Amino acid sequence: MLRILSDLHFRDASSRLKRLESLEALLEGVDELWLNGDTCDNQTGMKPEQVEEIREFFTSRVARVRFITGNHDPDISDTHDASAAEGLLWATHGDVFLDDIVPWSSVRDQLGERIKKIKAEHPERGFSEFADRIATMREACIGFRRECDPEKKDLSHRVRRLLTEFFPPRQPLAMINTWRTIADRAVNAAATWRPEARVIVTGHVHFPRIWQRADRWVINLGAFTGPLGAFSVDVANEMAAVRRISWSHDSCFPGKVINQIPLASPPSQSLSPDA
């Protein structure tokens, strides 16, 4: 079985995941694991051996592990997307669907300036093809420090983080607009970049939800941060099963299946959309 998780944000004070061992039940019986970006924030002073410890945790428990890059771990690997079921299922972190990576962030403009500079330095790259676009975005994120230290959790730092997330008011409005449009952005991008894909698995926006758009499905896996929770996607027997991740004390485990999408027959046969 293939299991896909996203946005663990390990070592971020806002993540519910405080110990990697809390994931043990999610790794049982898994033959292949995709970590779909933002597994950790390796741009905030993490030592190489700390990143290697994270890798070792997963690779010692699952035979095949793919570390797909996100905006917080842009150089954790050179894998930016992955496909399964003969291309019918496609996973990528999801920031590639947005022109400025994090339109809701207080550092949006700084990232935008980085992207503009990199595009000028690499005129051979376009910004419309997946490979060129993701290369520019990942380069923009490398070495880009957060506006707040994600590992600090004292009260003053928590207040500062809240202020940077909600002020000015443009930021929460941009977040809501991203939630509203991300499914259509993903479907439009897939139609160009991965036209065979019928199930698109993303993360990044921390909004666990399932949408159906004609014959395509978009699954956002949410995140281990914030109040909305997270999903996993399990791929086996020509089905993609979406599960809610449940918690008991400090351990998480596969919760109930909330949707099953066939990968060998028309996706319209699946369960209800917009779960």
C-alpha atoms as a PDB file:
ATOM      1  CA  MET A   1       0.000   0.000   0.000  1.00  0.00           C
ATOM      2  CA  LEU A   2       1.101   3.537  -0.797  1.00  0.00           C
ATOM      3  CA  ARG A   3       0.291   6.171   1.840  1.00  0.00           C
ATOM      4  CA  ILE A   4       0.611   9.934   1.242  1.00  0.00           C
ATOM      5  CA  LEU A   5       1.021  12.436   4.073  1.00  0.00           C
ATOM      6  CA  SER A   6       1.694  16.153   3.890  1.00  0.00           C
ATOM      7  CA  ASP A   7       2.706  19.167   5.942  1.00  0.00           C
ATOM      8  CA  LEU A   8       4.006  17.451   9.052  1.00  0.00           C
ATOM      9  CA  HIS A   9       5.946  20.629   9.926  1.00  0.00           C
ATOM     10  CA  PHE A  10       8.054  18.635  12.338  1.00  0.00           C
ATOM     11  CA  ARG A  11      10.059  20.821  14.762  1.00  0.00           C
ATOM     12  CA  ASP A  12       7.640  23.703  14.268  1.00  0.00           C
ATOM     13  CA  ALA A  13       6.182  24.759  17.607  1.00  0.00           C
ATOM     14  CA  SER A  14       2.742  25.058  16.003  1.00  0.00           C
ATOM     15  CA  SER A  15       2.756  21.423  14.836  1.00  0.00           C
ATOM     16  CA  ARG A  16       0.878  18.844  16.821  1.00  0.00           C
ATOM     17  CA  LEU A  17       3.627  16.392  15.908  1.00  0.00           C
ATOM     18  CA  LYS A  18       6.165  16.683  18.718  1.00  0.00           C
ATOM     19  CA  ARG A  19       7.787  13.248  18.310  1.00  0.00           C
ATOM     20  CA  LEU A  20       8.267  11.322  15.087  1.00  0.00           C
ATOM     21  CA  GLU A  21       7.404   8.193  17.049  1.00  0.00           C
ATOM     22  CA  SER A  22       3.827   9.522  17.198  1.00  0.00           C
ATOM     23  CA  LEU A  23       3.560   8.454  13.540  1.00  0.00           C
ATOM     24  CA  GLU A  24       4.286   4.764  14.155  1.00  0.00           C
ATOM     25  CA  ALA A  25       0.687   3.608  13.645  1.00  0.00           C
ATOM     26  CA  LEU A  26       0.471   5.570  10.381  1.00  0.00           C
ATOM     27  CA  LEU A  27       3.463   3.677   9.021  1.00  0.00           C
ATOM     28  CA  GLU A  28       2.343   0.145   9.866  1.00  0.00           C
ATOM     29  CA  GLY A  29       1.600  -1.961   6.783  1.00  0.00           C
ATOM     30  CA  VAL A  30       2.836   0.773   4.417  1.00  0.00           C
ATOM     31  CA  ASP A  31       4.980  -0.410   1.511  1.00  0.00           C
ATOM     32  CA  GLU A  32       5.605   3.038   0.058  1.00  0.00           C
ATOM     33  CA  LEU A  33       5.339   6.458   1.674  1.00  0.00           C
ATOM     34  CA  TRP A  34       5.172   9.874   0.039  1.00  0.00           C
ATOM     35  CA  LEU A  35       5.774  12.895   2.249  1.00  0.00           C
ATOM     36  CA  ASN A  36       4.243  15.636   0.147  1.00  0.00           C
ATOM     37  CA  GLY A  37       6.264  18.656   1.237  1.00  0.00           C
ATOM     38  CA  ASP A  38       6.887  20.672   4.406  1.00  0.00           C
ATOM     39  CA  THR A  39       7.947  17.582   6.309  1.00  0.00           C
ATOM     40  CA  CYS A  40      10.174  19.946   8.283  1.00  0.00           C
ATOM     41  CA  ASP A  41      11.531  23.489   7.980  1.00  0.00           C
ATOM     42  CA  ASN A  42      15.147  22.940   7.026  1.00  0.00           C
ATOM     43  CA  GLN A  43      15.731  26.636   6.307  1.00  0.00           C
ATOM     44  CA  THR A  44      15.675  27.705   9.959  1.00  0.00           C
ATOM     45  CA  GLY A  45      19.022  26.554  11.244  1.00  0.00           C
ATOM     46  CA  MET A  46      18.456  22.817  11.304  1.00  0.00           C
ATOM     47  CA  LYS A  47      21.727  20.936  11.148  1.00  0.00           C
ATOM     48  CA  PRO A  48      22.257  18.419   8.327  1.00  0.00           C
ATOM     49  CA  GLU A  49      22.382  15.610  10.858  1.00  0.00           C
ATOM     50  CA  GLN A  50      18.953  16.627  12.180  1.00  0.00           C
ATOM     51  CA  VAL A  51      17.477  16.395   8.686  1.00  0.00           C
ATOM     52  CA  GLU A  52      19.214  13.037   8.256  1.00  0.00           C
ATOM     53  CA  GLU A  53      17.649  11.802  11.490  1.00  0.00           C
ATOM     54  CA  ILE A  54      14.226  12.593  10.050  1.00  0.00           C
ATOM     55  CA  ARG A  55      15.063  10.713   6.862  1.00  0.00           C
ATOM     56  CA  GLU A  56      16.363   7.749   8.825  1.00  0.00           C
ATOM     57  CA  PHE A  57      13.220   7.552  10.926  1.00  0.00           C
ATOM     58  CA  PHE A  58      11.040   7.025   7.858  1.00  0.00           C
ATOM     59  CA  THR A  59      13.400   4.939   5.731  1.00  0.00           C
ATOM     60  CA  SER A  60      14.028   2.529   8.616  1.00  0.00           C
ATOM     61  CA  ARG A  61      10.289   1.809   8.840  1.00  0.00           C
ATOM     62  CA  VAL A  62       9.050   1.945   5.240  1.00  0.00           C
ATOM     63  CA  ALA A  63      10.759   0.219   2.311  1.00  0.00           C
ATOM     64  CA  ARG A  64      10.260   3.070  -0.179  1.00  0.00           C
ATOM     65  CA  VAL A  65      10.020   6.718   0.874  1.00  0.00           C
ATOM     66  CA  ARG A  66       9.753   9.789  -1.320  1.00  0.00           C
ATOM     67  CA  PHE A  67      10.487  13.168   0.213  1.00  0.00           C
ATOM     68  CA  ILE A  68       8.655  15.582  -2.067  1.00  0.00           C
ATOM     69  CA  THR A  69       9.820  19.163  -1.658  1.00  0.00           C
ATOM     70  CA  GLY A  70       7.731  21.953  -0.174  1.00  0.00           C
ATOM     71  CA  ASN A  71       8.323  25.653   0.338  1.00  0.00           C
ATOM     72  CA  HIS A  72       9.630  24.990   3.874  1.00  0.00           C
ATOM     73  CA  ASP A  73      11.940  22.123   2.827  1.00  0.00           C
ATOM     74  CA  PRO A  74      12.833  23.153  -0.740  1.00  0.00           C
ATOM     75  CA  ASP A  75      16.077  21.174  -0.879  1.00  0.00           C
ATOM     76  CA  ILE A  76      15.168  18.109   1.151  1.00  0.00           C
ATOM     77  CA  SER A  77      15.366  16.173  -2.139  1.00  0.00           C
ATOM     78  CA  ASP A  78      15.243  16.735  -5.868  1.00  0.00           C
ATOM     79  CA  THR A  79      11.753  15.227  -6.103  1.00  0.00           C
ATOM     80  CA  HIS A  80       9.034  17.820  -6.670  1.00  0.00           C
ATOM     81  CA  ASP A  81       6.125  15.554  -7.597  1.00  0.00           C
ATOM     82  CA  ALA A  82       5.203  11.904  -7.968  1.00  0.00           C
ATOM     83  CA  SER A  83       2.666   9.836  -9.902  1.00  0.00           C
ATOM     84  CA  ALA A  84       1.017   6.468  -9.334  1.00  0.00           C
ATOM     85  CA  ALA A  85      -1.585   4.241 -11.001  1.00  0.00           C
ATOM     86  CA  GLU A  86      -0.103   4.868 -14.447  1.00  0.00           C
ATOM     87  CA  GLY A  87      -0.339   8.609 -13.943  1.00  0.00           C
ATOM     88  CA  LEU A  88      -3.964   8.697 -12.820  1.00  0.00           C
ATOM     89  CA  LEU A  89      -2.869   9.957  -9.392  1.00  0.00           C
ATOM     90  CA  TRP A  90      -0.482  12.907  -9.170  1.00  0.00           C
ATOM     91  CA  ALA A  91       0.932  14.473  -6.000  1.00  0.00           C
ATOM     92  CA  THR A  92       2.814  17.739  -5.572  1.00  0.00           C
ATOM     93  CA  HIS A  93       3.035  20.076  -2.606  1.00  0.00           C
ATOM     94  CA  GLY A  94       0.723  22.666  -4.155  1.00  0.00           C
ATOM     95  CA  ASP A  95       2.558  25.982  -3.930  1.00  0.00           C
ATOM     96  CA  VAL A  96       3.415  25.594  -7.609  1.00  0.00           C
ATOM     97  CA  PHE A  97      -0.240  26.386  -8.362  1.00  0.00           C
ATOM     98  CA  LEU A  98       0.205  29.893  -6.902  1.00  0.00           C
ATOM     99  CA  ASP A  99       2.229  32.592  -8.649  1.00  0.00           C
ATOM    100  CA  ASP A 100       3.674  34.011  -5.432  1.00  0.00           C
ATOM    101  CA  ILE A 101       3.958  30.786  -3.360  1.00  0.00           C
ATOM    102  CA  VAL A 102       2.269  32.134  -0.191  1.00  0.00           C
ATOM    103  CA  PRO A 103      -0.179  34.919  -1.115  1.00  0.00           C
ATOM    104  CA  TRP A 104      -1.484  35.056   2.478  1.00  0.00           C
ATOM    105  CA  SER A 105       1.929  35.604   4.096  1.00  0.00           C
ATOM    106  CA  SER A 106       3.548  38.776   5.384  1.00  0.00           C
ATOM    107  CA  VAL A 107       6.667  37.727   3.407  1.00  0.00           C
ATOM    108  CA  ARG A 108       4.785  37.396   0.117  1.00  0.00           C
ATOM    109  CA  ASP A 109       6.406  40.472  -1.377  1.00  0.00           C
ATOM    110  CA  GLN A 110       9.938  39.395  -0.424  1.00  0.00           C
ATOM    111  CA  LEU A 111       9.384  36.006  -2.047  1.00  0.00           C
ATOM    112  CA  GLY A 112       7.948  37.758  -5.068  1.00  0.00           C
ATOM    113  CA  GLU A 113      11.104  39.831  -5.399  1.00  0.00           C
ATOM    114  CA  ARG A 114      13.211  36.686  -5.176  1.00  0.00           C
ATOM    115  CA  ILE A 115      11.175  35.022  -7.904  1.00  0.00           C
ATOM    116  CA  LYS A 116      11.491  38.123 -10.100  1.00  0.00           C
ATOM    117  CA  LYS A 117      15.271  38.183  -9.643  1.00  0.00           C
ATOM    118  CA  ILE A 118      15.682  34.460 -10.370  1.00  0.00           C
ATOM    119  CA  LYS A 119      13.565  34.728 -13.506  1.00  0.00           C
ATOM    120  CA  ALA A 120      15.796  37.563 -14.715  1.00  0.00           C
ATOM    121  CA  GLU A 121      18.906  35.470 -13.984  1.00  0.00           C
ATOM    122  CA  HIS A 122      17.503  32.470 -15.872  1.00  0.00           C
ATOM    123  CA  PRO A 123      15.899  33.770 -19.068  1.00  0.00           C
ATOM    124  CA  GLU A 124      16.081  30.247 -20.495  1.00  0.00           C
ATOM    125  CA  ARG A 125      13.407  29.188 -18.022  1.00  0.00           C
ATOM    126  CA  GLY A 126       9.802  29.935 -18.621  1.00  0.00           C
ATOM    127  CA  PHE A 127       7.271  30.161 -15.828  1.00  0.00           C
ATOM    128  CA  SER A 128       4.523  28.129 -17.433  1.00  0.00           C
ATOM    129  CA  GLU A 129       6.030  24.624 -17.548  1.00  0.00           C
ATOM    130  CA  PHE A 130       6.075  22.622 -14.324  1.00  0.00           C
ATOM    131  CA  ALA A 131       9.817  21.865 -14.295  1.00  0.00           C
ATOM    132  CA  ASP A 132      10.833  25.486 -14.927  1.00  0.00           C
ATOM    133  CA  ARG A 133       8.286  26.938 -12.555  1.00  0.00           C
ATOM    134  CA  ILE A 134       9.086  24.628  -9.657  1.00  0.00           C
ATOM    135  CA  ALA A 135      12.832  25.128 -10.140  1.00  0.00           C
ATOM    136  CA  THR A 136      12.398  28.897  -9.801  1.00  0.00           C
ATOM    137  CA  MET A 137      10.093  28.597  -6.806  1.00  0.00           C
ATOM    138  CA  ARG A 138      12.321  26.160  -4.959  1.00  0.00           C
ATOM    139  CA  GLU A 139      15.373  28.352  -5.559  1.00  0.00           C
ATOM    140  CA  ALA A 140      13.433  31.320  -4.176  1.00  0.00           C
ATOM    141  CA  CYS A 141      12.696  29.393  -0.967  1.00  0.00           C
ATOM    142  CA  ILE A 142      16.229  28.140  -0.322  1.00  0.00           C
ATOM    143  CA  GLY A 143      17.813  30.077   2.507  1.00  0.00           C
ATOM    144  CA  PHE A 144      14.658  32.141   3.010  1.00  0.00           C
ATOM    145  CA  ARG A 145      14.220  32.467   6.749  1.00  0.00           C
ATOM    146  CA  ARG A 146      10.827  32.672   8.390  1.00  0.00           C
ATOM    147  CA  GLU A 147       9.590  35.966   9.808  1.00  0.00           C
ATOM    148  CA  CYS A 148       9.333  34.173  13.186  1.00  0.00           C
ATOM    149  CA  ASP A 149      11.434  31.333  14.532  1.00  0.00           C
ATOM    150  CA  PRO A 150       9.142  28.291  14.146  1.00  0.00           C
ATOM    151  CA  GLU A 151      10.761  26.429  17.026  1.00  0.00           C
ATOM    152  CA  LYS A 152      10.123  29.094  19.657  1.00  0.00           C
ATOM    153  CA  LYS A 153       6.943  28.694  21.675  1.00  0.00           C
ATOM    154  CA  ASP A 154       7.144  31.215  24.490  1.00  0.00           C
ATOM    155  CA  LEU A 155       4.080  33.429  24.891  1.00  0.00           C
ATOM    156  CA  SER A 156       5.588  36.567  23.365  1.00  0.00           C
ATOM    157  CA  HIS A 157       6.728  34.624  20.308  1.00  0.00           C
ATOM    158  CA  ARG A 158       3.311  32.981  19.906  1.00  0.00           C
ATOM    159  CA  VAL A 159       1.648  36.407  20.007  1.00  0.00           C
ATOM    160  CA  ARG A 160       4.105  37.682  17.430  1.00  0.00           C
ATOM    161  CA  ARG A 161       3.339  34.758  15.152  1.00  0.00           C
ATOM    162  CA  LEU A 162      -0.389  35.407  15.410  1.00  0.00           C
ATOM    163  CA  LEU A 163       0.136  39.059  14.535  1.00  0.00           C
ATOM    164  CA  THR A 164       2.230  38.195  11.475  1.00  0.00           C
ATOM    165  CA  GLU A 165      -0.480  35.787  10.298  1.00  0.00           C
ATOM    166  CA  PHE A 166      -3.548  37.991  10.769  1.00  0.00           C
ATOM    167  CA  PHE A 167      -2.301  41.540  10.235  1.00  0.00           C
ATOM    168  CA  PRO A 168      -2.706  43.372   7.994  1.00  0.00           C
ATOM    169  CA  PRO A 169      -6.252  42.115   7.236  1.00  0.00           C
ATOM    170  CA  ARG A 170      -5.183  41.429   3.648  1.00  0.00           C
ATOM    171  CA  GLN A 171      -3.553  38.227   4.843  1.00  0.00           C
ATOM    172  CA  PRO A 172      -6.533  36.251   6.201  1.00  0.00           C
ATOM    173  CA  LEU A 173      -8.577  37.434   3.213  1.00  0.00           C
ATOM    174  CA  ALA A 174      -5.875  36.120   0.887  1.00  0.00           C
ATOM    175  CA  MET A 175      -5.918  32.806   2.770  1.00  0.00           C
ATOM    176  CA  ILE A 176      -9.673  32.468   2.324  1.00  0.00           C
ATOM    177  CA  ASN A 177      -9.375  33.321  -1.361  1.00  0.00           C
ATOM    178  CA  THR A 178      -6.669  30.686  -1.781  1.00  0.00           C
ATOM    179  CA  TRP A 179      -8.878  28.063  -0.133  1.00  0.00           C
ATOM    180  CA  ARG A 180     -11.694  29.103  -2.455  1.00  0.00           C
ATOM    181  CA  THR A 181      -9.636  28.848  -5.651  1.00  0.00           C
ATOM    182  CA  ILE A 182      -7.014  26.159  -5.003  1.00  0.00           C
ATOM    183  CA  ALA A 183      -9.048  23.280  -6.479  1.00  0.00           C
ATOM    184  CA  ASP A 184      -9.622  25.080  -9.770  1.00  0.00           C
ATOM    185  CA  ARG A 185      -5.987  26.135  -9.906  1.00  0.00           C
ATOM    186  CA  ALA A 186      -4.888  22.536  -9.397  1.00  0.00           C
ATOM    187  CA  VAL A 187      -7.258  21.187 -12.040  1.00  0.00           C
ATOM    188  CA  ASN A 188      -6.226  23.813 -14.597  1.00  0.00           C
ATOM    189  CA  ALA A 189      -2.542  23.142 -13.946  1.00  0.00           C
ATOM    190  CA  ALA A 190      -2.977  19.375 -14.179  1.00  0.00           C
ATOM    191  CA  ALA A 191      -4.796  19.716 -17.480  1.00  0.00           C
ATOM    192  CA  THR A 192      -1.588  21.224 -18.888  1.00  0.00           C
ATOM    193  CA  TRP A 193       1.174  19.512 -16.915  1.00  0.00           C
ATOM    194  CA  ARG A 194      -0.288  16.079 -16.152  1.00  0.00           C
ATOM    195  CA  PRO A 195      -3.314  15.634 -18.425  1.00  0.00           C
ATOM    196  CA  GLU A 196      -3.651  11.944 -17.538  1.00  0.00           C
ATOM    197  CA  ALA A 197      -4.086  12.733 -13.821  1.00  0.00           C
ATOM    198  CA  ARG A 198      -7.596  12.281 -12.470  1.00  0.00           C
ATOM    199  CA  VAL A 199      -6.745  12.499  -8.760  1.00  0.00           C
ATOM    200  CA  ILE A 200      -4.549  15.441  -7.680  1.00  0.00           C
ATOM    201  CA  VAL A 201      -3.110  15.313  -4.161  1.00  0.00           C
ATOM    202  CA  THR A 202      -1.822  18.548  -2.624  1.00  0.00           C
ATOM    203  CA  GLY A 203      -0.973  20.157   0.688  1.00  0.00           C
ATOM    204  CA  HIS A 204       0.440  23.615   1.410  1.00  0.00           C
ATOM    205  CA  VAL A 205      -2.772  25.525   2.218  1.00  0.00           C
ATOM    206  CA  HIS A 206      -3.600  23.525   5.393  1.00  0.00           C
ATOM    207  CA  PHE A 207      -7.227  23.050   4.333  1.00  0.00           C
ATOM    208  CA  PRO A 208      -8.218  19.342   4.376  1.00  0.00           C
ATOM    209  CA  ARG A 209     -10.904  18.954   1.769  1.00  0.00           C
ATOM    210  CA  ILE A 210     -11.970  17.000  -1.311  1.00  0.00           C
ATOM    211  CA  TRP A 211     -13.343  18.620  -4.455  1.00  0.00           C
ATOM    212  CA  GLN A 212     -14.664  17.166  -7.704  1.00  0.00           C
ATOM    213  CA  ARG A 213     -14.295  19.120 -10.908  1.00  0.00           C
ATOM    214  CA  ALA A 214     -15.812  17.237 -13.862  1.00  0.00           C
ATOM    215  CA  ASP A 215     -13.734  14.033 -14.129  1.00  0.00           C
ATOM    216  CA  ARG A 216     -10.938  15.240 -11.847  1.00  0.00           C
ATOM    217  CA  TRP A 217     -10.649  15.143  -8.078  1.00  0.00           C
ATOM    218  CA  VAL A 218      -8.503  17.370  -5.898  1.00  0.00           C
ATOM    219  CA  ILE A 219      -7.538  16.252  -2.387  1.00  0.00           C
ATOM    220  CA  ASN A 220      -5.875  18.674  -0.013  1.00  0.00           C
ATOM    221  CA  LEU A 221      -4.286  16.786   2.847  1.00  0.00           C
ATOM    222  CA  GLY A 222      -4.410  19.632   5.361  1.00  0.00           C
ATOM    223  CA  ALA A 223      -1.616  19.838   7.917  1.00  0.00           C
ATOM    224  CA  PHE A 224      -0.401  18.725  11.318  1.00  0.00           C
ATOM    225  CA  THR A 225      -0.625  22.384  12.376  1.00  0.00           C
ATOM    226  CA  GLY A 226      -3.742  24.407  13.116  1.00  0.00           C
ATOM    227  CA  PRO A 227      -7.235  23.333  14.103  1.00  0.00           C
ATOM    228  CA  LEU A 228      -8.450  21.845  10.810  1.00  0.00           C
ATOM    229  CA  GLY A 229      -6.523  18.582  10.982  1.00  0.00           C
ATOM    230  CA  ALA A 230      -5.102  16.368   8.277  1.00  0.00           C
ATOM    231  CA  PHE A 231      -5.980  13.590   5.836  1.00  0.00           C
ATOM    232  CA  SER A 232      -3.964  10.748   4.404  1.00  0.00           C
ATOM    233  CA  VAL A 233      -4.428   9.128   1.009  1.00  0.00           C
ATOM    234  CA  ASP A 234      -3.984   5.362   0.705  1.00  0.00           C
ATOM    235  CA  VAL A 235      -3.505   3.841  -2.736  1.00  0.00           C
ATOM    236  CA  ALA A 236      -4.180   0.106  -3.100  1.00  0.00           C
ATOM    237  CA  ASN A 237      -6.288  -2.213  -5.238  1.00  0.00           C
ATOM    238  CA  GLU A 238      -6.906   0.491  -7.846  1.00  0.00           C
ATOM    239  CA  MET A 239      -8.521   2.775  -5.266  1.00  0.00           C
ATOM    240  CA  ALA A 240      -7.479   6.010  -3.576  1.00  0.00           C
ATOM    241  CA  ALA A 241      -8.928   6.045  -0.064  1.00  0.00           C
ATOM    242  CA  VAL A 242      -8.985   9.324   1.835  1.00  0.00           C
ATOM    243  CA  ARG A 243      -8.768   8.946   5.598  1.00  0.00           C
ATOM    244  CA  ARG A 244      -8.968  11.479   8.384  1.00  0.00           C
ATOM    245  CA  ILE A 245      -5.939  11.259  10.665  1.00  0.00           C
ATOM    246  CA  SER A 246      -7.056  10.694  14.248  1.00  0.00           C
ATOM    247  CA  TRP A 247      -5.170  11.378  17.463  1.00  0.00           C
ATOM    248  CA  SER A 248      -5.122   9.670  20.841  1.00  0.00           C
ATOM    249  CA  HIS A 249      -2.973  11.445  23.397  1.00  0.00           C
ATOM    250  CA  ASP A 250       0.269  12.142  21.500  1.00  0.00           C
ATOM    251  CA  SER A 251      -0.103   9.416  18.861  1.00  0.00           C
ATOM    252  CA  CYS A 252      -1.891   9.549  15.535  1.00  0.00           C
ATOM    253  CA  PHE A 253      -3.392   6.729  13.532  1.00  0.00           C
ATOM    254  CA  PRO A 254      -5.498   6.139  10.395  1.00  0.00           C
ATOM    255  CA  GLY A 255      -9.060   7.243  11.052  1.00  0.00           C
ATOM    256  CA  LYS A 256     -12.210   6.474   9.140  1.00  0.00           C
ATOM    257  CA  VAL A 257     -12.331   6.439   5.355  1.00  0.00           C
ATOM    258  CA  ILE A 258     -14.258   9.509   4.199  1.00  0.00           C
ATOM    259  CA  ASN A 259     -14.004   8.941   0.448  1.00  0.00           C
ATOM    260  CA  GLN A 260     -12.856   6.285  -2.014  1.00  0.00           C
ATOM    261  CA  ILE A 261     -11.988   7.191  -5.581  1.00  0.00           C
ATOM    262  CA  PRO A 262     -11.510   4.474  -8.220  1.00  0.00           C
ATOM    263  CA  LEU A 263      -8.264   4.682 -10.153  1.00  0.00           C
ATOM    264  CA  ALA A 264      -9.181   2.169 -12.835  1.00  0.00           C
ATOM    265  CA  SER A 265     -12.720   3.286 -13.657  1.00  0.00           C
ATOM    266  CA  PRO A 266     -14.391   6.676 -14.111  1.00  0.00           C
ATOM    267  CA  PRO A 267     -13.949   8.804 -10.950  1.00  0.00           C
ATOM    268  CA  SER A 268     -17.637   9.756 -11.134  1.00  0.00           C
ATOM    269  CA  GLN A 269     -18.378   6.408  -9.476  1.00  0.00           C
ATOM    270  CA  SER A 270     -16.757   7.541  -6.223  1.00  0.00           C
ATOM    271  CA  LEU A 271     -18.458   8.722  -3.074  1.00  0.00           C
ATOM    272  CA  SER A 272     -19.745  12.214  -2.399  1.00  0.00           C
ATOM    273  CA  PRO A 273     -17.536  15.219  -3.308  1.00  0.00           C
ATOM    274  CA  ASP A 274     -16.666  18.239  -1.162  1.00  0.00           C
ATOM    275  CA  ALA A 275     -16.196  16.109   1.965  1.00  0.00           C
END
